[in-house]
Amino acid sequence: MGRKKAKKEVEYEDPRDDLLSLFLKDVNGNVVGESIGVSGEKLVVKSEERFYLIPLSAVEKGEGELKVVNEVDWEKALKEGERWREKELDLLWGERSEGAG
């Protein structure tokens, strides 16, 4: 009879977790918002009641904060962020967007 090998638990750490719960500052050092998630290759940032999806390539991690280091199309980031919110959060919070029928 063969010996049964014990299963090892494999812990997976996502390196993108280091980008979460940090304040994001723009090129002038102003706080834009706080990072709350990563969706694909975009950082999800909450700023007051708004959500932005910012390309990870435009962000650099500093000492306890994130900095915008490349140009960001803020209008596009806001549109994508609001779409993300509607898809991901509204269902969790039991909310429906005004345009939903």
Protein backbone atom coordinates (compact mmCIF):
# COMPACT_ATOMS: atom_id res chain seq x y z
CA MET A 1 0.00 0.00 0.00
CA GLY A 2 1.36 3.41 -0.98
CA ARG A 3 1.71 6.31 1.39
CA LYS A 4 -0.71 9.13 1.04
CA LYS A 5 1.00 12.47 0.55
CA ALA A 6 -0.21 15.29 2.72
CA LYS A 7 -1.66 18.16 0.75
CA LYS A 8 0.20 21.41 1.20
CA GLU A 9 -1.77 24.59 1.35
CA VAL A 10 -0.49 27.03 -1.18
CA GLU A 11 -0.90 30.66 -0.29
CA TYR A 12 -1.11 33.05 -3.19
CA GLU A 13 -0.18 36.64 -2.70
CA ASP A 14 -1.18 39.07 -5.40
CA PRO A 15 1.50 41.75 -5.75
CA ARG A 16 -1.24 44.21 -6.70
CA ASP A 17 -2.53 44.02 -3.11
CA ASP A 18 0.29 46.43 -2.24
CA LEU A 19 -1.56 49.07 -4.27
CA LEU A 20 -4.71 48.97 -2.14
CA SER A 21 -5.86 51.37 0.56
CA LEU A 22 -3.34 54.04 -0.39
CA PHE A 23 -3.95 57.67 -1.21
CA LEU A 24 -3.32 58.61 -4.83
CA LYS A 25 -1.70 61.98 -5.46
CA ASP A 26 -1.65 63.82 -8.77
CA VAL A 27 1.49 65.34 -10.32
CA ASN A 28 1.04 68.45 -8.13
CA GLY A 29 0.88 66.42 -4.91
CA ASN A 30 -2.88 66.87 -4.44
CA VAL A 31 -4.79 63.87 -3.12
CA VAL A 32 -7.08 62.53 -5.85
CA GLY A 33 -8.63 59.72 -3.82
CA GLU A 34 -7.94 56.32 -2.30
CA SER A 35 -7.20 53.10 -4.16
CA ILE A 36 -9.83 50.45 -3.44
CA GLY A 37 -9.17 47.77 -6.04
CA VAL A 38 -7.56 46.61 -9.23
CA SER A 39 -9.62 45.67 -12.27
CA GLY A 40 -7.54 44.15 -15.04
CA GLU A 41 -4.75 46.60 -15.71
CA LYS A 42 -6.53 49.53 -14.06
CA LEU A 43 -6.49 50.90 -10.53
CA VAL A 44 -9.90 51.61 -8.97
CA VAL A 45 -9.84 54.91 -7.10
CA LYS A 46 -12.63 56.30 -4.94
CA SER A 47 -12.78 60.07 -4.59
CA GLU A 48 -15.65 61.23 -2.42
CA GLU A 49 -18.68 59.77 -4.27
CA ARG A 50 -16.88 59.25 -7.59
CA PHE A 51 -14.93 56.30 -8.92
CA TYR A 52 -12.06 56.37 -11.42
CA LEU A 53 -10.31 53.59 -13.35
CA ILE A 54 -6.73 54.68 -13.91
CA PRO A 55 -4.20 52.70 -15.95
CA LEU A 56 -1.65 51.00 -13.69
CA SER A 57 1.02 52.27 -16.09
CA ALA A 58 0.17 55.83 -15.00
CA VAL A 59 0.72 55.12 -11.31
CA GLU A 60 3.83 54.55 -9.23
CA LYS A 61 3.98 53.37 -5.63
CA GLY A 62 5.85 55.67 -3.29
CA GLU A 63 6.41 55.57 0.45
CA GLY A 64 2.92 54.79 1.76
CA GLU A 65 1.18 56.45 -1.19
CA LEU A 66 0.60 56.25 -4.91
CA LYS A 67 1.60 58.94 -7.38
CA VAL A 68 0.35 59.72 -10.86
CA VAL A 69 3.48 59.64 -13.03
CA ASN A 70 1.98 59.62 -16.54
CA GLU A 71 -0.80 61.58 -18.17
CA VAL A 72 -4.32 60.44 -17.28
CA ASP A 73 -7.48 61.13 -19.28
CA TRP A 74 -9.54 61.98 -16.20
CA GLU A 75 -12.82 62.22 -18.11
CA LYS A 76 -12.36 58.71 -19.51
CA ALA A 77 -11.16 57.44 -16.11
CA LEU A 78 -14.34 58.80 -14.50
CA LYS A 79 -16.63 57.24 -17.12
CA GLU A 80 -14.92 53.86 -16.77
CA GLY A 81 -14.94 54.16 -12.98
CA GLU A 82 -18.65 54.89 -12.86
CA ARG A 83 -19.32 51.91 -15.17
CA TRP A 84 -17.22 49.76 -12.82
CA ARG A 85 -19.24 51.04 -9.83
CA GLU A 86 -22.54 50.24 -11.52
CA LYS A 87 -21.38 46.75 -12.43
CA GLU A 88 -19.50 45.81 -9.26
CA LEU A 89 -20.92 47.80 -6.36
CA ASP A 90 -24.52 48.71 -7.10
CA LEU A 91 -25.54 45.04 -7.07
CA LEU A 92 -23.76 44.52 -3.76
CA TRP A 93 -25.36 47.57 -2.23
CA GLY A 94 -28.79 46.76 -3.68
CA GLU A 95 -28.86 49.98 -5.68
CA ARG A 96 -29.91 50.50 -9.25
CA SER A 97 -28.68 53.26 -11.47
CA GLU A 98 -31.26 55.89 -12.41
CA GLY A 99 -31.29 54.73 -16.02
CA ALA A 100 -32.06 51.09 -15.15
CA GLY A 101 -35.56 49.94 -15.92
